[in-house]
């Protein structure tokens, strides 16, 4: 025996719940990004630990993220490009420009501390 069809109101409520779930997910990402900016803007020494950022496509922590600002400066160019792609950042320019892009994506000052 087939299950009775849900009334239109219940289908609308299910749709609204789905929308709310999506909005909560977006809010979580915004909170996480804001927290990262607050934490990283207080970096005053190049050996202070960096909080790993998350991929914009999967929201998973980026596994090869540098541990400190010093480490960020020493990354091979290919890794810098991979990090920028994971963050949705620009990959144009030379290696120095890409390092600058990565620093800015992370919320660090333009010049290394």
PDB file of N, CA and C in Angstrom:
ATOM      1  N   UNK A   1       0.850  -1.172   0.000  1.00  0.00           N
ATOM      2  CA  UNK A   1       0.000   0.000   0.000  1.00  0.00           C
ATOM      3  C   UNK A   1       0.898   1.238   0.000  1.00  0.00           C
ATOM      4  N   UNK A   2       0.636   2.161  -0.865  1.00  0.00           N
ATOM      5  CA  UNK A   2       1.428   3.379  -1.005  1.00  0.00           C
ATOM      6  C   UNK A   2       1.155   4.329   0.151  1.00  0.00           C
ATOM      7  N   UNK A   3       2.201   5.031   0.540  1.00  0.00           N
ATOM      8  CA  UNK A   3       2.061   6.017   1.613  1.00  0.00           C
ATOM      9  C   UNK A   3       1.235   7.191   1.095  1.00  0.00           C
ATOM     10  N   UNK A   4       0.422   7.760   1.957  1.00  0.00           N
ATOM     11  CA  UNK A   4      -0.380   8.907   1.507  1.00  0.00           C
ATOM     12  C   UNK A   4       0.531  10.098   1.191  1.00  0.00           C
ATOM     13  N   UNK A   5       0.135  10.873   0.221  1.00  0.00           N
ATOM     14  CA  UNK A   5       0.905  12.062  -0.166  1.00  0.00           C
ATOM     15  C   UNK A   5       0.852  13.090   0.956  1.00  0.00           C
ATOM     16  N   UNK A   6       1.980  13.740   1.162  1.00  0.00           N
ATOM     17  CA  UNK A   6       2.026  14.780   2.187  1.00  0.00           C
ATOM     18  C   UNK A   6       1.251  15.998   1.715  1.00  0.00           C
ATOM     19  N   UNK A   7       0.569  16.626   2.638  1.00  0.00           N
ATOM     20  CA  UNK A   7      -0.106  17.866   2.255  1.00  0.00           C
ATOM     21  C   UNK A   7       0.922  18.914   1.809  1.00  0.00           C
ATOM     22  N   UNK A   8       0.481  19.820   1.002  1.00  0.00           N
ATOM     23  CA  UNK A   8       1.338  20.875   0.464  1.00  0.00           C
ATOM     24  C   UNK A   8       2.075  21.639   1.564  1.00  0.00           C
ATOM     25  N   UNK A   9       1.423  21.889   2.664  1.00  0.00           N
ATOM     26  CA  UNK A   9       2.049  22.647   3.755  1.00  0.00           C
ATOM     27  C   UNK A   9       3.290  21.939   4.289  1.00  0.00           C
ATOM     28  N   UNK A  10       3.228  20.623   4.436  1.00  0.00           N
ATOM     29  CA  UNK A  10       4.380  19.877   4.944  1.00  0.00           C
ATOM     30  C   UNK A  10       5.532  19.916   3.948  1.00  0.00           C
ATOM     31  N   UNK A  11       5.221  19.848   2.665  1.00  0.00           N
ATOM     32  CA  UNK A  11       6.274  19.942   1.653  1.00  0.00           C
ATOM     33  C   UNK A  11       6.946  21.318   1.707  1.00  0.00           C
ATOM     34  N   UNK A  12       6.155  22.366   1.916  1.00  0.00           N
ATOM     35  CA  UNK A  12       6.718  23.714   2.031  1.00  0.00           C
ATOM     36  C   UNK A  12       7.610  23.829   3.264  1.00  0.00           C
ATOM     37  N   UNK A  13       7.183  23.238   4.368  1.00  0.00           N
ATOM     38  CA  UNK A  13       7.979  23.275   5.590  1.00  0.00           C
ATOM     39  C   UNK A  13       9.301  22.545   5.376  1.00  0.00           C
ATOM     40  N   UNK A  14       9.276  21.406   4.718  1.00  0.00           N
ATOM     41  CA  UNK A  14      10.512  20.678   4.421  1.00  0.00           C
ATOM     42  C   UNK A  14      11.454  21.542   3.574  1.00  0.00           C
ATOM     43  N   UNK A  15      10.894  22.230   2.610  1.00  0.00           N
ATOM     44  CA  UNK A  15      11.712  23.116   1.776  1.00  0.00           C
ATOM     45  C   UNK A  15      12.327  24.242   2.585  1.00  0.00           C
ATOM     46  N   UNK A  16      11.533  24.814   3.489  1.00  0.00           N
ATOM     47  CA  UNK A  16      12.043  25.891   4.342  1.00  0.00           C
ATOM     48  C   UNK A  16      13.144  25.385   5.275  1.00  0.00           C
ATOM     49  N   UNK A  17      12.979  24.191   5.789  1.00  0.00           N
ATOM     50  CA  UNK A  17      14.012  23.606   6.656  1.00  0.00           C
ATOM     51  C   UNK A  17      15.301  23.423   5.867  1.00  0.00           C
ATOM     52  N   UNK A  18      15.202  22.968   4.632  1.00  0.00           N
ATOM     53  CA  UNK A  18      16.387  22.820   3.786  1.00  0.00           C
ATOM     54  C   UNK A  18      17.082  24.153   3.556  1.00  0.00           C
ATOM     55  N   UNK A  19      16.312  25.198   3.315  1.00  0.00           N
ATOM     56  CA  UNK A  19      16.889  26.534   3.136  1.00  0.00           C
ATOM     57  C   UNK A  19      17.593  27.007   4.415  1.00  0.00           C
ATOM     58  N   UNK A  20      16.969  26.775   5.554  1.00  0.00           N
ATOM     59  CA  UNK A  20      17.557  27.179   6.833  1.00  0.00           C
ATOM     60  C   UNK A  20      18.867  26.436   7.070  1.00  0.00           C
ATOM     61  N   UNK A  21      18.902  25.157   6.758  1.00  0.00           N
ATOM     62  CA  UNK A  21      20.151  24.386   6.906  1.00  0.00           C
ATOM     63  C   UNK A  21      21.259  24.994   6.048  1.00  0.00           C
ATOM     64  N   UNK A  22      20.926  25.366   4.827  1.00  0.00           N
ATOM     65  CA  UNK A  22      21.914  25.992   3.950  1.00  0.00           C
ATOM     66  C   UNK A  22      22.414  27.311   4.519  1.00  0.00           C
ATOM     67  N   UNK A  23      21.497  28.106   5.067  1.00  0.00           N
ATOM     68  CA  UNK A  23      21.886  29.389   5.659  1.00  0.00           C
ATOM     69  C   UNK A  23      22.776  29.187   6.879  1.00  0.00           C
ATOM     70  N   UNK A  24      22.487  28.172   7.678  1.00  0.00           N
ATOM     71  CA  UNK A  24      23.319  27.879   8.860  1.00  0.00           C
ATOM     72  C   UNK A  24      24.727  27.487   8.405  1.00  0.00           C
ATOM     73  N   UNK A  25      24.828  26.687   7.363  1.00  0.00           N
ATOM     74  CA  UNK A  25      26.140  26.308   6.840  1.00  0.00           C
ATOM     75  C   UNK A  25      26.933  27.510   6.377  1.00  0.00           C
ATOM     76  N   UNK A  26      26.265  28.434   5.677  1.00  0.00           N
ATOM     77  CA  UNK A  26      26.934  29.651   5.224  1.00  0.00           C
ATOM     78  C   UNK A  26      27.388  30.498   6.406  1.00  0.00           C
ATOM     79  N   UNK A  27      26.556  30.589   7.442  1.00  0.00           N
ATOM     80  CA  UNK A  27      26.911  31.372   8.629  1.00  0.00           C
ATOM     81  C   UNK A  27      28.117  30.759   9.334  1.00  0.00           C
ATOM     82  N   UNK A  28      28.167  29.426   9.402  1.00  0.00           N
ATOM     83  CA  UNK A  28      29.323  28.765  10.022  1.00  0.00           C
ATOM     84  C   UNK A  28      30.602  29.134   9.280  1.00  0.00           C
ATOM     85  N   UNK A  29      30.554  29.102   7.959  1.00  0.00           N
ATOM     86  CA  UNK A  29      31.735  29.454   7.168  1.00  0.00           C
ATOM     87  C   UNK A  29      32.144  30.901   7.413  1.00  0.00           C
ATOM     88  N   UNK A  30      31.175  31.811   7.477  1.00  0.00           N
ATOM     89  CA  UNK A  30      31.486  33.223   7.710  1.00  0.00           C
ATOM     90  C   UNK A  30      32.107  33.419   9.094  1.00  0.00           C
ATOM     91  N   UNK A  31      31.583  32.726  10.091  1.00  0.00           N
ATOM     92  CA  UNK A  31      32.139  32.825  11.441  1.00  0.00           C
ATOM     93  C   UNK A  31      33.569  32.311  11.439  1.00  0.00           C
ATOM     94  N   UNK A  32      33.804  31.182  10.773  1.00  0.00           N
ATOM     95  CA  UNK A  32      35.145  30.601  10.725  1.00  0.00           C
ATOM     96  C   UNK A  32      36.110  31.561  10.044  1.00  0.00           C
ATOM     97  N   UNK A  33      35.698  32.156   8.936  1.00  0.00           N
ATOM     98  CA  UNK A  33      36.562  33.094   8.221  1.00  0.00           C
ATOM     99  C   UNK A  33      36.862  34.320   9.083  1.00  0.00           C
ATOM    100  N   UNK A  34      35.863  34.829   9.785  1.00  0.00           N
ATOM    101  CA  UNK A  34      36.056  35.990  10.656  1.00  0.00           C
ATOM    102  C   UNK A  34      37.021  35.645  11.779  1.00  0.00           C
ATOM    103  N   UNK A  35      36.856  34.484  12.370  1.00  0.00           N
ATOM    104  CA  UNK A  35      37.754  34.043  13.435  1.00  0.00           C
ATOM    105  C   UNK A  35      39.188  33.976  12.918  1.00  0.00           C
ATOM    106  N   UNK A  36      39.371  33.434  11.718  1.00  0.00           N
ATOM    107  CA  UNK A  36      40.709  33.355  11.130  1.00  0.00           C
ATOM    108  C   UNK A  36      41.313  34.739  10.959  1.00  0.00           C
ATOM    109  N   UNK A  37      40.532  35.688  10.476  1.00  0.00           N
ATOM    110  CA  UNK A  37      41.063  37.033  10.268  1.00  0.00           C
ATOM    111  C   UNK A  37      41.455  37.685  11.587  1.00  0.00           C
ATOM    112  N   UNK A  38      40.662  37.481  12.622  1.00  0.00           N
ATOM    113  CA  UNK A  38      40.986  38.050  13.926  1.00  0.00           C
ATOM    114  C   UNK A  38      42.267  37.431  14.460  1.00  0.00           C
ATOM    115  N   UNK A  39      42.390  36.120  14.377  1.00  0.00           N
ATOM    116  CA  UNK A  39      43.574  35.433  14.881  1.00  0.00           C
ATOM    117  C   UNK A  39      44.815  35.840  14.099  1.00  0.00           C
ATOM    118  N   UNK A  40      44.726  35.840  12.776  1.00  0.00           N
ATOM    119  CA  UNK A  40      45.917  36.074  11.964  1.00  0.00           C
ATOM    120  C   UNK A  40      46.357  37.521  11.981  1.00  0.00           C
ATOM    121  N   UNK A  41      45.472  38.454  12.184  1.00  0.00           N
ATOM    122  CA  UNK A  41      45.877  39.852  12.214  1.00  0.00           C
ATOM    123  C   UNK A  41      46.661  40.189  13.478  1.00  0.00           C
ATOM    124  N   UNK A  42      46.724  39.274  14.425  1.00  0.00           N
ATOM    125  CA  UNK A  42      47.478  39.502  15.644  1.00  0.00           C
ATOM    126  C   UNK A  42      48.840  38.826  15.612  1.00  0.00           C
ATOM    127  N   UNK A  43      49.247  38.332  14.476  1.00  0.00           N
ATOM    128  CA  UNK A  43      50.550  37.678  14.371  1.00  0.00           C
ATOM    129  C   UNK A  43      51.619  38.753  14.378  1.00  0.00           C
ATOM    130  N   UNK A  44      52.489  38.685  15.363  1.00  0.00           N
ATOM    131  CA  UNK A  44      53.521  39.711  15.484  1.00  0.00           C
ATOM    132  C   UNK A  44      54.927  39.141  15.340  1.00  0.00           C
ATOM    133  N   UNK A  45      55.039  37.803  15.367  1.00  0.00           N
ATOM    134  CA  UNK A  45      56.346  37.170  15.207  1.00  0.00           C
ATOM    135  C   UNK A  45      56.258  36.138  14.090  1.00  0.00           C
ATOM    136  N   UNK A  46      57.316  36.003  13.300  1.00  0.00           N
ATOM    137  CA  UNK A  46      57.260  35.062  12.180  1.00  0.00           C
ATOM    138  C   UNK A  46      57.213  33.596  12.601  1.00  0.00           C
ATOM    139  N   UNK A  47      57.498  33.305  13.876  1.00  0.00           N
ATOM    140  CA  UNK A  47      57.472  31.916  14.331  1.00  0.00           C
ATOM    141  C   UNK A  47      56.170  31.558  15.058  1.00  0.00           C
ATOM    142  N   UNK A  48      55.223  32.494  15.110  1.00  0.00           N
ATOM    143  CA  UNK A  48      53.933  32.193  15.725  1.00  0.00           C
ATOM    144  C   UNK A  48      53.161  31.206  14.853  1.00  0.00           C
ATOM    145  N   UNK A  49      52.471  30.258  15.479  1.00  0.00           N
ATOM    146  CA  UNK A  49      51.708  29.281  14.693  1.00  0.00           C
ATOM    147  C   UNK A  49      50.565  29.935  13.915  1.00  0.00           C
ATOM    148  N   UNK A  50      50.349  29.428  12.715  1.00  0.00           N
ATOM    149  CA  UNK A  50      49.203  29.843  11.891  1.00  0.00           C
ATOM    150  C   UNK A  50      48.105  28.800  12.040  1.00  0.00           C
ATOM    151  N   UNK A  51      46.873  29.252  12.067  1.00  0.00           N
ATOM    152  CA  UNK A  51      45.739  28.344  12.088  1.00  0.00           C
ATOM    153  C   UNK A  51      45.468  27.906  10.642  1.00  0.00           C
ATOM    154  N   UNK A  52      45.442  26.608  10.362  1.00  0.00           N
ATOM    155  CA  UNK A  52      45.209  26.178   8.977  1.00  0.00           C
ATOM    156  C   UNK A  52      43.856  26.672   8.469  1.00  0.00           C
ATOM    157  N   UNK A  53      43.852  27.142   7.238  1.00  0.00           N
ATOM    158  CA  UNK A  53      42.603  27.571   6.619  1.00  0.00           C
ATOM    159  C   UNK A  53      41.908  26.375   5.996  1.00  0.00           C
ATOM    160  N   UNK A  54      40.673  26.587   5.562  1.00  0.00           N
ATOM    161  CA  UNK A  54      39.875  25.521   4.967  1.00  0.00           C
ATOM    162  C   UNK A  54      39.679  25.774   3.483  1.00  0.00           C
ATOM    163  N   UNK A  55      39.531  24.696   2.762  1.00  0.00           N
ATOM    164  CA  UNK A  55      39.272  24.769   1.331  1.00  0.00           C
ATOM    165  C   UNK A  55      37.900  25.392   1.088  1.00  0.00           C
ATOM    166  N   UNK A  56      37.812  26.259   0.078  1.00  0.00           N
ATOM    167  CA  UNK A  56      36.511  26.876  -0.213  1.00  0.00           C
ATOM    168  C   UNK A  56      35.558  25.899  -0.883  1.00  0.00           C
ATOM    169  N   UNK A  57      36.073  24.816  -1.442  1.00  0.00           N
ATOM    170  CA  UNK A  57      35.189  23.864  -2.113  1.00  0.00           C
ATOM    171  C   UNK A  57      34.701  22.761  -1.188  1.00  0.00           C
ATOM    172  N   UNK A  58      35.552  22.323  -0.246  1.00  0.00           N
ATOM    173  CA  UNK A  58      35.161  21.206   0.616  1.00  0.00           C
ATOM    174  C   UNK A  58      34.943  21.607   2.071  1.00  0.00           C
ATOM    175  N   UNK A  59      35.400  22.800   2.456  1.00  0.00           N
ATOM    176  CA  UNK A  59      35.359  23.273   3.835  1.00  0.00           C
ATOM    177  C   UNK A  59      36.192  22.389   4.764  1.00  0.00           C
ATOM    178  N   UNK A  60      37.095  21.599   4.203  1.00  0.00           N
ATOM    179  CA  UNK A  60      38.016  20.780   4.985  1.00  0.00           C
ATOM    180  C   UNK A  60      39.298  21.561   5.224  1.00  0.00           C
ATOM    181  N   UNK A  61      39.968  21.342   6.355  1.00  0.00           N
ATOM    182  CA  UNK A  61      41.263  22.005   6.558  1.00  0.00           C
ATOM    183  C   UNK A  61      42.230  21.632   5.433  1.00  0.00           C
ATOM    184  N   UNK A  62      43.019  22.588   5.004  1.00  0.00           N
ATOM    185  CA  UNK A  62      43.995  22.338   3.951  1.00  0.00           C
ATOM    186  C   UNK A  62      45.172  21.613   4.603  1.00  0.00           C
ATOM    187  N   UNK A  63      45.443  20.371   4.197  1.00  0.00           N
ATOM    188  CA  UNK A  63      46.412  19.549   4.915  1.00  0.00           C
ATOM    189  C   UNK A  63      47.856  20.034   4.819  1.00  0.00           C
ATOM    190  N   UNK A  64      48.231  20.714   3.778  1.00  0.00           N
ATOM    191  CA  UNK A  64      49.624  21.116   3.591  1.00  0.00           C
ATOM    192  C   UNK A  64      49.834  22.585   3.921  1.00  0.00           C
ATOM    193  N   UNK A  65      48.965  23.142   4.761  1.00  0.00           N
ATOM    194  CA  UNK A  65      49.075  24.554   5.103  1.00  0.00           C
ATOM    195  C   UNK A  65      50.295  24.770   5.989  1.00  0.00           C
ATOM    196  N   UNK A  66      51.047  25.874   5.787  1.00  0.00           N
ATOM    197  CA  UNK A  66      52.262  26.110   6.578  1.00  0.00           C
ATOM    198  C   UNK A  66      51.940  26.324   8.062  1.00  0.00           C
ATOM    199  N   UNK A  67      52.901  25.946   8.903  1.00  0.00           N
ATOM    200  CA  UNK A  67      52.705  26.059  10.351  1.00  0.00           C
ATOM    201  C   UNK A  67      52.919  27.470  10.881  1.00  0.00           C
ATOM    202  N   UNK A  68      53.814  28.237  10.246  1.00  0.00           N
ATOM    203  CA  UNK A  68      54.134  29.594  10.706  1.00  0.00           C
ATOM    204  C   UNK A  68      54.255  30.525   9.507  1.00  0.00           C
ATOM    205  N   UNK A  69      54.332  31.826   9.794  1.00  0.00           N
ATOM    206  CA  UNK A  69      54.535  32.801   8.715  1.00  0.00           C
ATOM    207  C   UNK A  69      55.889  32.582   8.052  1.00  0.00           C
ATOM    208  N   UNK A  70      56.885  32.169   8.832  1.00  0.00           N
ATOM    209  CA  UNK A  70      58.193  31.831   8.252  1.00  0.00           C
ATOM    210  C   UNK A  70      58.057  30.701   7.240  1.00  0.00           C
ATOM    211  N   UNK A  71      57.304  29.667   7.630  1.00  0.00           N
ATOM    212  CA  UNK A  71      57.101  28.529   6.728  1.00  0.00           C
ATOM    213  C   UNK A  71      56.398  28.964   5.449  1.00  0.00           C
ATOM    214  N   UNK A  72      55.470  29.883   5.584  1.00  0.00           N
ATOM    215  CA  UNK A  72      54.749  30.391   4.416  1.00  0.00           C
ATOM    216  C   UNK A  72      55.729  31.014   3.416  1.00  0.00           C
ATOM    217  N   UNK A  73      56.685  31.749   3.924  1.00  0.00           N
ATOM    218  CA  UNK A  73      57.668  32.414   3.051  1.00  0.00           C
ATOM    219  C   UNK A  73      58.593  31.415   2.361  1.00  0.00           C
ATOM    220  N   UNK A  74      58.770  30.234   2.942  1.00  0.00           N
ATOM    221  CA  UNK A  74      59.695  29.240   2.386  1.00  0.00           C
ATOM    222  C   UNK A  74      59.010  28.199   1.510  1.00  0.00           C
ATOM    223  N   UNK A  75      57.715  28.329   1.296  1.00  0.00           N
ATOM    224  CA  UNK A  75      56.993  27.333   0.499  1.00  0.00           C
ATOM    225  C   UNK A  75      57.505  27.290  -0.938  1.00  0.00           C
ATOM    226  N   UNK A  76      57.582  26.097  -1.516  1.00  0.00           N
ATOM    227  CA  UNK A  76      57.857  26.026  -2.953  1.00  0.00           C
ATOM    228  C   UNK A  76      56.706  26.676  -3.725  1.00  0.00           C
ATOM    229  N   UNK A  77      57.024  27.204  -4.893  1.00  0.00           N
ATOM    230  CA  UNK A  77      56.009  27.917  -5.669  1.00  0.00           C
ATOM    231  C   UNK A  77      54.820  27.011  -6.015  1.00  0.00           C
ATOM    232  N   UNK A  78      55.076  25.745  -6.316  1.00  0.00           N
ATOM    233  CA  UNK A  78      53.977  24.832  -6.664  1.00  0.00           C
ATOM    234  C   UNK A  78      53.004  24.671  -5.493  1.00  0.00           C
ATOM    235  N   UNK A  79      53.538  24.612  -4.269  1.00  0.00           N
ATOM    236  CA  UNK A  79      52.677  24.498  -3.086  1.00  0.00           C
ATOM    237  C   UNK A  79      51.893  25.792  -2.876  1.00  0.00           C
ATOM    238  N   UNK A  80      52.548  26.924  -3.099  1.00  0.00           N
ATOM    239  CA  UNK A  80      51.867  28.214  -2.987  1.00  0.00           C
ATOM    240  C   UNK A  80      50.686  28.263  -3.942  1.00  0.00           C
ATOM    241  N   UNK A  81      50.888  27.814  -5.175  1.00  0.00           N
ATOM    242  CA  UNK A  81      49.806  27.790  -6.169  1.00  0.00           C
ATOM    243  C   UNK A  81      48.681  26.876  -5.701  1.00  0.00           C
ATOM    244  N   UNK A  82      49.028  25.684  -5.193  1.00  0.00           N
ATOM    245  CA  UNK A  82      47.996  24.757  -4.702  1.00  0.00           C
ATOM    246  C   UNK A  82      47.189  25.379  -3.567  1.00  0.00           C
ATOM    247  N   UNK A  83      47.873  26.060  -2.638  1.00  0.00           N
ATOM    248  CA  UNK A  83      47.174  26.715  -1.528  1.00  0.00           C
ATOM    249  C   UNK A  83      46.245  27.812  -2.030  1.00  0.00           C
ATOM    250  N   UNK A  84      46.740  28.620  -2.952  1.00  0.00           N
ATOM    251  CA  UNK A  84      45.901  29.694  -3.500  1.00  0.00           C
ATOM    252  C   UNK A  84      44.667  29.128  -4.191  1.00  0.00           C
ATOM    253  N   UNK A  85      44.843  28.048  -4.922  1.00  0.00           N
ATOM    254  CA  UNK A  85      43.681  27.415  -5.588  1.00  0.00           C
ATOM    255  C   UNK A  85      42.682  26.899  -4.559  1.00  0.00           C
ATOM    256  N   UNK A  86      43.192  26.272  -3.494  1.00  0.00           N
ATOM    257  CA  UNK A  86      42.305  25.746  -2.447  1.00  0.00           C
ATOM    258  C   UNK A  86      41.528  26.866  -1.758  1.00  0.00           C
ATOM    259  N   UNK A  87      42.141  28.058  -1.702  1.00  0.00           N
ATOM    260  CA  UNK A  87      41.504  29.209  -1.053  1.00  0.00           C
ATOM    261  C   UNK A  87      40.703  30.063  -2.027  1.00  0.00           C
ATOM    262  N   UNK A  88      40.766  29.736  -3.318  1.00  0.00           N
ATOM    263  CA  UNK A  88      40.061  30.533  -4.316  1.00  0.00           C
ATOM    264  C   UNK A  88      40.766  31.836  -4.617  1.00  0.00           C
ATOM    265  N   UNK A  89      42.065  31.885  -4.342  1.00  0.00           N
ATOM    266  CA  UNK A  89      42.833  33.111  -4.561  1.00  0.00           C
ATOM    267  C   UNK A  89      43.453  33.164  -5.944  1.00  0.00           C
ATOM    268  N   UNK A  90      43.964  34.332  -6.322  1.00  0.00           N
ATOM    269  CA  UNK A  90      44.596  34.486  -7.636  1.00  0.00           C
ATOM    270  C   UNK A  90      45.950  33.790  -7.673  1.00  0.00           C
ATOM    271  N   UNK A  91      46.266  33.191  -8.805  1.00  0.00           N
ATOM    272  CA  UNK A  91      47.544  32.499  -8.973  1.00  0.00           C
ATOM    273  C   UNK A  91      48.416  33.170 -10.028  1.00  0.00           C
ATOM    274  N   UNK A  92      48.057  34.375 -10.426  1.00  0.00           N
ATOM    275  CA  UNK A  92      48.807  35.064 -11.472  1.00  0.00           C
ATOM    276  C   UNK A  92      50.095  35.668 -10.914  1.00  0.00           C
ATOM    277  N   UNK A  93      50.957  36.117 -11.800  1.00  0.00           N
ATOM    278  CA  UNK A  93      52.189  36.778 -11.406  1.00  0.00           C
ATOM    279  C   UNK A  93      53.326  35.801 -11.171  1.00  0.00           C
ATOM    280  N   UNK A  94      54.418  36.339 -10.626  1.00  0.00           N
ATOM    281  CA  UNK A  94      55.582  35.507 -10.341  1.00  0.00           C
ATOM    282  C   UNK A  94      55.476  34.928  -8.932  1.00  0.00           C
ATOM    283  N   UNK A  95      56.518  34.191  -8.512  1.00  0.00           N
ATOM    284  CA  UNK A  95      56.484  33.517  -7.207  1.00  0.00           C
ATOM    285  C   UNK A  95      56.312  34.515  -6.057  1.00  0.00           C
ATOM    286  N   UNK A  96      56.983  35.664  -6.131  1.00  0.00           N
ATOM    287  CA  UNK A  96      56.853  36.675  -5.066  1.00  0.00           C
ATOM    288  C   UNK A  96      55.438  37.218  -4.987  1.00  0.00           C
ATOM    289  N   UNK A  97      54.838  37.453  -6.144  1.00  0.00           N
ATOM    290  CA  UNK A  97      53.459  37.951  -6.187  1.00  0.00           C
ATOM    291  C   UNK A  97      52.504  36.929  -5.605  1.00  0.00           C
ATOM    292  N   UNK A  98      52.716  35.654  -5.938  1.00  0.00           N
ATOM    293  CA  UNK A  98      51.847  34.603  -5.401  1.00  0.00           C
ATOM    294  C   UNK A  98      52.000  34.484  -3.879  1.00  0.00           C
ATOM    295  N   UNK A  99      53.208  34.629  -3.362  1.00  0.00           N
ATOM    296  CA  UNK A  99      53.407  34.602  -1.905  1.00  0.00           C
ATOM    297  C   UNK A  99      52.639  35.765  -1.256  1.00  0.00           C
ATOM    298  N   UNK A 100      52.688  36.930  -1.911  1.00  0.00           N
ATOM    299  CA  UNK A 100      51.938  38.086  -1.411  1.00  0.00           C
ATOM    300  C   UNK A 100      50.444  37.780  -1.430  1.00  0.00           C
ATOM    301  N   UNK A 101      49.955  37.202  -2.539  1.00  0.00           N
ATOM    302  CA  UNK A 101      48.534  36.819  -2.617  1.00  0.00           C
ATOM    303  C   UNK A 101      48.177  35.876  -1.462  1.00  0.00           C
ATOM    304  N   UNK A 102      49.052  34.914  -1.178  1.00  0.00           N
ATOM    305  CA  UNK A 102      48.774  33.951  -0.115  1.00  0.00           C
ATOM    306  C   UNK A 102      48.755  34.643   1.250  1.00  0.00           C
ATOM    307  N   UNK A 103      49.695  35.537   1.487  1.00  0.00           N
ATOM    308  CA  UNK A 103      49.707  36.286   2.749  1.00  0.00           C
ATOM    309  C   UNK A 103      48.392  37.051   2.915  1.00  0.00           C
ATOM    310  N   UNK A 104      47.952  37.703   1.846  1.00  0.00           N
ATOM    311  CA  UNK A 104      46.719  38.498   1.916  1.00  0.00           C
ATOM    312  C   UNK A 104      45.494  37.604   2.058  1.00  0.00           C
ATOM    313  N   UNK A 105      45.486  36.446   1.404  1.00  0.00           N
ATOM    314  CA  UNK A 105      44.380  35.500   1.560  1.00  0.00           C
ATOM    315  C   UNK A 105      44.268  35.065   3.013  1.00  0.00           C
ATOM    316  N   UNK A 106      45.420  34.928   3.666  1.00  0.00           N
ATOM    317  CA  UNK A 106      45.424  34.494   5.059  1.00  0.00           C
ATOM    318  C   UNK A 106      45.085  35.633   6.013  1.00  0.00           C
ATOM    319  N   UNK A 107      45.220  36.868   5.557  1.00  0.00           N
ATOM    320  CA  UNK A 107      44.939  38.011   6.415  1.00  0.00           C
ATOM    321  C   UNK A 107      46.176  38.563   7.082  1.00  0.00           C
ATOM    322  N   UNK A 108      47.360  38.147   6.597  1.00  0.00           N
ATOM    323  CA  UNK A 108      48.610  38.674   7.145  1.00  0.00           C
ATOM    324  C   UNK A 108      48.934  40.003   6.504  1.00  0.00           C
ATOM    325  N   UNK A 109      49.872  40.707   7.117  1.00  0.00           N
ATOM    326  CA  UNK A 109      50.351  41.963   6.537  1.00  0.00           C
ATOM    327  C   UNK A 109      51.080  41.647   5.232  1.00  0.00           C
ATOM    328  N   UNK A 110      51.157  42.670   4.364  1.00  0.00           N
ATOM    329  CA  UNK A 110      51.818  42.466   3.071  1.00  0.00           C
ATOM    330  C   UNK A 110      53.283  42.086   3.234  1.00  0.00           C
ATOM    331  N   UNK A 111      53.945  42.732   4.162  1.00  0.00           N
ATOM    332  CA  UNK A 111      55.361  42.441   4.393  1.00  0.00           C
ATOM    333  C   UNK A 111      55.491  41.415   5.504  1.00  0.00           C
ATOM    334  N   UNK A 112      56.404  40.453   5.372  1.00  0.00           N
ATOM    335  CA  UNK A 112      56.586  39.478   6.453  1.00  0.00           C
ATOM    336  C   UNK A 112      56.965  40.165   7.746  1.00  0.00           C
ATOM    337  N   UNK A 113      56.482  39.609   8.865  1.00  0.00           N
ATOM    338  CA  UNK A 113      56.783  40.175  10.190  1.00  0.00           C
ATOM    339  C   UNK A 113      58.205  39.877  10.580  1.00  0.00           C
TER     340      UNK A 113
END
